[in-house]
Each structure stands twice: as structure tokens, then as C-alpha cells.
C-alpha atoms as a PDB file:
ATOM      1  CA  MET A   1       3.461 -10.112   1.822  1.00  0.00           C
ATOM      2  CA  THR A   2       3.954  -6.794   2.331  1.00  0.00           C
ATOM      3  CA  LEU A   3       2.645  -3.838  -0.043  1.00  0.00           C
ATOM      4  CA  ASP A   4       6.456  -2.826  -0.743  1.00  0.00           C
ATOM      5  CA  GLN A   5       6.388  -6.345  -2.715  1.00  0.00           C
ATOM      6  CA  ILE A   6       3.710  -5.722  -5.244  1.00  0.00           C
ATOM      7  CA  ASN A   7       4.728  -5.244  -8.736  1.00  0.00           C
ATOM      8  CA  PRO A   8       3.081  -1.854 -10.410  1.00  0.00           C
ATOM      9  CA  GLY A   9      -0.109  -2.908 -11.837  1.00  0.00           C
ATOM     10  CA  GLU A  10      -1.243  -5.607  -9.471  1.00  0.00           C
ATOM     11  CA  GLU A  11      -3.921  -4.920  -7.332  1.00  0.00           C
ATOM     12  CA  CYS A  12      -4.035  -6.450  -3.619  1.00  0.00           C
ATOM     13  CA  GLU A  13      -6.215  -6.342  -0.324  1.00  0.00           C
ATOM     14  CA  LEU A  14      -4.665  -4.828   2.838  1.00  0.00           C
ATOM     15  CA  LEU A  15      -5.231  -7.301   5.642  1.00  0.00           C
ATOM     16  CA  ILE A  16      -2.974  -5.778   8.458  1.00  0.00           C
ATOM     17  CA  VAL A  17      -1.922  -2.134   8.897  1.00  0.00           C
ATOM     18  CA  GLY A  18       1.452  -2.522  11.156  1.00  0.00           C
ATOM     19  CA  GLY A  19       4.058   0.141  12.412  1.00  0.00           C
ATOM     20  CA  GLU A  20       3.163   2.117  15.901  1.00  0.00           C
ATOM     21  CA  GLY A  21       2.455   5.400  17.374  1.00  0.00           C
ATOM     22  CA  VAL A  22       2.317   8.167  14.601  1.00  0.00           C
ATOM     23  CA  LEU A  23       2.925   6.421  11.807  1.00  0.00           C
ATOM     24  CA  ARG A  24       0.303   3.958  12.396  1.00  0.00           C
ATOM     25  CA  ARG A  25      -2.097   6.659  12.997  1.00  0.00           C
ATOM     26  CA  ARG A  26      -1.042   8.413   9.904  1.00  0.00           C
ATOM     27  CA  LEU A  27      -1.543   5.769   7.858  1.00  0.00           C
ATOM     28  CA  LEU A  28      -4.905   5.049   9.056  1.00  0.00           C
ATOM     29  CA  ASP A  29      -5.875   8.489   8.750  1.00  0.00           C
ATOM     30  CA  MET A  30      -4.709   8.335   4.767  1.00  0.00           C
ATOM     31  CA  GLY A  31      -7.132   5.569   4.021  1.00  0.00           C
ATOM     32  CA  PHE A  32      -5.343   2.815   4.516  1.00  0.00           C
ATOM     33  CA  THR A  33      -7.623   0.781   6.265  1.00  0.00           C
ATOM     34  CA  PRO A  34      -8.210  -3.308   6.733  1.00  0.00           C
ATOM     35  CA  HIS A  35     -10.529  -4.740   3.167  1.00  0.00           C
ATOM     36  CA  THR A  36      -9.344  -1.729   1.323  1.00  0.00           C
ATOM     37  CA  LYS A  37      -8.283  -2.291  -2.335  1.00  0.00           C
ATOM     38  CA  ILE A  38      -4.765  -1.166  -3.693  1.00  0.00           C
ATOM     39  CA  LYS A  39      -3.420  -0.494  -6.789  1.00  0.00           C
ATOM     40  CA  VAL A  40       0.261   0.103  -7.259  1.00  0.00           C
ATOM     41  CA  ARG A  41       0.551   2.274 -10.331  1.00  0.00           C
ATOM     42  CA  LYS A  42       4.021   3.221 -10.280  1.00  0.00           C
ATOM     43  CA  VAL A  43       7.119   2.745  -8.451  1.00  0.00           C
ATOM     44  CA  ALA A  44      10.414   5.172  -8.741  1.00  0.00           C
ATOM     45  CA  PRO A  45      13.384   4.155 -11.487  1.00  0.00           C
ATOM     46  CA  MET A  46      14.917   3.665  -7.625  1.00  0.00           C
ATOM     47  CA  GLY A  47      12.777   1.573  -6.270  1.00  0.00           C
ATOM     48  CA  ASP A  48      11.459   4.405  -3.689  1.00  0.00           C
ATOM     49  CA  PRO A  49       8.879   6.082  -3.261  1.00  0.00           C
ATOM     50  CA  ILE A  50       5.847   3.742  -4.531  1.00  0.00           C
ATOM     51  CA  GLU A  51       2.885   5.267  -5.973  1.00  0.00           C
ATOM     52  CA  VAL A  52      -0.620   3.951  -4.889  1.00  0.00           C
ATOM     53  CA  SER A  53      -4.430   4.104  -5.853  1.00  0.00           C
ATOM     54  CA  LEU A  54      -7.189   3.506  -3.476  1.00  0.00           C
ATOM     55  CA  ARG A  55     -10.637   4.953  -2.801  1.00  0.00           C
ATOM     56  CA  GLY A  56     -10.380   6.634  -5.550  1.00  0.00           C
ATOM     57  CA  TYR A  57      -6.983   9.415  -5.092  1.00  0.00           C
ATOM     58  CA  VAL A  58      -3.615   8.539  -5.871  1.00  0.00           C
ATOM     59  CA  ILE A  59      -0.894   8.560  -2.962  1.00  0.00           C
ATOM     60  CA  THR A  60       2.691   8.308  -2.889  1.00  0.00           C
ATOM     61  CA  ILE A  61       4.296   6.691   0.101  1.00  0.00           C
ATOM     62  CA  ARG A  62       8.056   5.431   0.814  1.00  0.00           C
ATOM     63  CA  LYS A  63       8.928   1.961   0.823  1.00  0.00           C
ATOM     64  CA  GLU A  64       9.145   1.480   4.310  1.00  0.00           C
ATOM     65  CA  GLU A  65       6.162   2.727   5.040  1.00  0.00           C
ATOM     66  CA  ALA A  66       4.630   0.242   2.762  1.00  0.00           C
ATOM     67  CA  ALA A  67       6.789  -2.503   3.960  1.00  0.00           C
ATOM     68  CA  LYS A  68       4.335  -2.122   7.299  1.00  0.00           C
ATOM     69  CA  LEU A  69       1.096  -3.029   4.854  1.00  0.00           C
ATOM     70  CA  THR A  70       0.379  -6.511   4.908  1.00  0.00           C
ATOM     71  CA  VAL A  71      -1.705  -7.387   1.714  1.00  0.00           C
ATOM     72  CA  GLN A  72      -2.748  -9.977  -0.404  1.00  0.00           C
ATOM     73  CA  LYS A  73      -2.982 -10.586  -4.087  1.00  0.00           C
ATOM     74  CA  VAL A  74      -6.755 -10.340  -5.429  1.00  0.00           C
ATOM     75  CA  SER A  75      -6.799 -13.075  -7.779  1.00  0.00           C
ATOM     76  CA  GLU A  76      -7.888 -12.344 -11.053  1.00  0.00           C
ATOM     77  CA  VAL A  77     -11.357 -13.860 -12.254  1.00  0.00           C
END
């Protein structure tokens, strides 16, 4: 599944950073690297953008960018 499919309040682990060229480099530079834990905090009323929390900071990304990030939900213990 991709990051844009995760509901607010859920946590996931990033598996693959997709995209090409400048977009992929920008995502990596912002901290979206494999095995990073990401929590979806909010989704705008119209569904775009998405606010996520990772590596101790909060970032807002577009839904089309989130669709390039393959994730896996973190199972509750």
C-alpha cells in the first residue's frame, strides 16, 4: 500500500521511495528513507495535502507525492 492510503492516526513503516529524478531526491532529503516510521496526523478536508510526522518533525506533502511512497502498517502489540 502507499502512504496516501493510510488513515489519520495510523502509523506505518516506509519500505520503498518511488518517483524519479528531482521528486525522489527531494523526498529522500526530507527524511523519507526506507525503514522510517511515519504517522499520518491529518488529511485536509478535500483529501490533499497530508500532514505526517517522522523523525521528530511534522511535514505536509501532496497526495500525489504520498502515492510514490510504499509503506507497511505497523502492527499494534
